[in-house]
Amino acid sequence: MSLAQLEGALHAEQTEQGLRVVLPADTLFGNSLDTIAGDGIALLEATERLIAARHPREVFVAGHTDGIGRDDDNLVLSQRRARAVANWLRAHAKEPMRIIDKGYGRTRPLAPNHRADASDDPEGRQQNRRIEIYLQR
């Protein structure tokens, strides 16, 4: 698979912070709080191939949650998930690099957690449960 195909498969996009890959936490962790699940391994393997091809100076892993639950609990969960992904990347990296992880809890949603009528928005919450990986030069 070419670099362009790999970037396309991971929906990578260039941002001011570097090349960004967004991985759905539901796929990465399944029903687990912070243990990488079977389907998540394939996503991380593809991400690791992208990292190896791009040779970033630094990899930044950001964990995010949806808006359900207490702020403190969401922050801890996002930190644990970001650390789990960062540790997996460290263990499987082809070359040494700086990998930083940080959890943001529910403070940076991509979508609303609730609809305009205040009812739950499961699709929005699903988008918010994610890991963002930035490859920085």
Protein backbone atom coordinates (compact mmCIF):
# COMPACT_ATOMS: atom_id res chain seq x y z
CA MET A 1 0.00 0.00 0.00
CA SER A 2 1.41 3.40 -0.97
CA LEU A 3 1.74 6.27 1.49
CA ALA A 4 -1.14 8.12 -0.20
CA GLN A 5 -3.35 5.01 0.01
CA LEU A 6 -2.47 4.53 3.67
CA GLU A 7 -3.25 8.17 4.46
CA GLY A 8 -6.54 7.82 2.58
CA ALA A 9 -7.49 4.60 4.38
CA LEU A 10 -6.88 6.31 7.74
CA HIS A 11 -8.58 9.54 6.63
CA ALA A 12 -5.43 11.44 7.59
CA GLU A 13 -5.56 15.19 7.17
CA GLN A 14 -2.93 17.89 7.42
CA THR A 15 -3.50 20.41 10.24
CA GLU A 16 -1.45 23.16 11.84
CA GLN A 17 -0.45 20.64 14.54
CA GLY A 18 0.71 18.04 11.99
CA LEU A 19 -0.82 15.16 10.10
CA ARG A 20 -3.92 14.09 12.08
CA VAL A 21 -5.43 10.62 12.23
CA VAL A 22 -8.70 10.18 14.15
CA LEU A 23 -9.39 6.69 15.47
CA PRO A 24 -12.80 5.79 16.95
CA ALA A 25 -12.45 4.74 20.58
CA ASP A 26 -15.32 2.26 20.20
CA THR A 27 -13.26 0.33 17.64
CA LEU A 28 -9.99 0.66 19.54
CA PHE A 29 -11.32 -0.42 22.92
CA GLY A 30 -14.57 -2.30 22.23
CA ASN A 31 -16.32 -2.82 25.56
CA SER A 32 -13.11 -2.29 27.53
CA LEU A 33 -12.33 0.90 29.37
CA ASP A 34 -8.68 1.12 28.37
CA THR A 35 -7.48 -2.16 26.86
CA ILE A 36 -6.96 -2.27 23.10
CA ALA A 37 -9.51 -4.67 21.54
CA GLY A 38 -9.07 -6.98 18.53
CA ASP A 39 -10.44 -4.60 15.88
CA GLY A 40 -8.33 -1.80 17.32
CA ILE A 41 -5.10 -3.68 16.65
CA ALA A 42 -5.61 -3.44 12.87
CA LEU A 43 -6.17 0.33 13.13
CA LEU A 44 -3.06 0.76 15.22
CA GLU A 45 -1.00 -1.42 12.88
CA ALA A 46 -2.04 0.77 9.94
CA THR A 47 -1.26 3.89 11.98
CA GLU A 48 2.16 2.49 12.87
CA ARG A 49 2.87 1.85 9.18
CA LEU A 50 1.96 5.49 8.47
CA ILE A 51 4.24 6.66 11.29
CA ALA A 52 7.10 4.52 9.97
CA ALA A 53 6.63 5.93 6.45
CA ARG A 54 6.37 9.58 7.56
CA HIS A 55 9.25 9.58 10.11
CA PRO A 56 7.74 12.23 12.41
CA ARG A 57 9.90 13.97 14.98
CA GLU A 58 7.14 13.54 17.52
CA VAL A 59 3.81 11.72 17.84
CA PHE A 60 1.10 13.28 19.99
CA VAL A 61 -1.78 11.05 21.15
CA ALA A 62 -4.90 12.83 22.43
CA GLY A 63 -7.77 11.01 24.13
CA HIS A 64 -11.36 12.30 24.07
CA THR A 65 -14.65 11.11 25.56
CA ASP A 66 -18.32 11.85 25.05
CA GLY A 67 -20.34 14.04 27.40
CA ILE A 68 -21.92 11.30 29.50
CA GLY A 69 -20.74 10.97 33.09
CA ARG A 70 -18.71 13.10 35.48
CA ASP A 71 -16.00 15.42 34.19
CA ASP A 72 -13.35 13.86 36.44
CA ASP A 73 -14.22 10.34 35.30
CA ASN A 74 -14.13 11.35 31.63
CA LEU A 75 -10.76 13.05 32.07
CA VAL A 76 -9.25 9.96 33.72
CA LEU A 77 -10.73 7.66 31.05
CA SER A 78 -9.38 9.83 28.22
CA GLN A 79 -5.93 9.88 29.86
CA ARG A 80 -5.91 6.09 30.31
CA ARG A 81 -6.96 5.51 26.71
CA ALA A 82 -4.41 7.97 25.30
CA ARG A 83 -1.71 6.26 27.39
CA ALA A 84 -2.80 2.79 26.19
CA VAL A 85 -2.49 3.87 22.54
CA ALA A 86 0.83 5.65 23.17
CA ASN A 87 2.20 2.56 24.93
CA TRP A 88 1.09 0.32 22.05
CA LEU A 89 2.80 2.64 19.56
CA ARG A 90 5.98 2.73 21.67
CA ALA A 91 6.06 -1.06 21.84
CA HIS A 92 5.58 -1.45 18.07
CA ALA A 93 7.55 1.50 16.71
CA LYS A 94 10.10 0.65 14.04
CA GLU A 95 12.38 3.47 15.18
CA PRO A 96 12.69 5.47 18.38
CA MET A 97 10.66 8.66 18.55
CA ARG A 98 9.08 10.91 21.11
CA ILE A 99 5.47 9.90 21.84
CA ILE A 100 3.41 12.15 24.11
CA ASP A 101 -0.07 11.34 25.40
CA LYS A 102 -2.73 13.56 26.93
CA GLY A 103 -6.38 13.14 27.85
CA TYR A 104 -8.91 15.92 27.33
CA GLY A 105 -12.04 14.24 28.67
CA ARG A 106 -15.14 15.75 27.13
CA THR A 107 -13.76 19.27 26.69
CA ARG A 108 -13.20 19.11 22.90
CA PRO A 109 -16.25 17.54 21.26
CA LEU A 110 -16.48 17.13 17.49
CA ALA A 111 -20.27 16.81 17.55
CA PRO A 112 -23.11 17.61 19.95
CA ASN A 113 -23.78 15.02 22.64
CA HIS A 114 -27.46 16.04 22.66
CA ARG A 115 -29.96 17.11 20.01
CA ALA A 116 -31.63 20.53 19.98
CA ASP A 117 -34.58 19.07 21.93
CA ALA A 118 -32.12 17.94 24.67
CA SER A 119 -32.53 14.26 23.81
CA ASP A 120 -29.47 12.02 23.61
CA ASP A 121 -27.50 11.99 20.34
CA PRO A 122 -25.76 8.58 20.21
CA GLU A 123 -24.12 9.32 16.85
CA GLY A 124 -22.67 12.59 18.14
CA ARG A 125 -21.41 10.93 21.30
CA GLN A 126 -19.81 8.17 19.22
CA GLN A 127 -17.88 10.77 17.18
CA ASN A 128 -16.63 12.36 20.38
CA ARG A 129 -15.23 9.08 21.76
CA ARG A 130 -11.96 9.12 19.85
CA ILE A 131 -8.19 9.11 19.85
CA GLU A 132 -6.47 11.75 17.73
CA ILE A 133 -2.89 11.07 16.67
CA TYR A 134 -0.75 13.92 15.34
CA LEU A 135 2.45 13.23 13.44
CA GLN A 136 4.62 16.29 13.96
CA ARG A 137 7.72 17.13 11.94
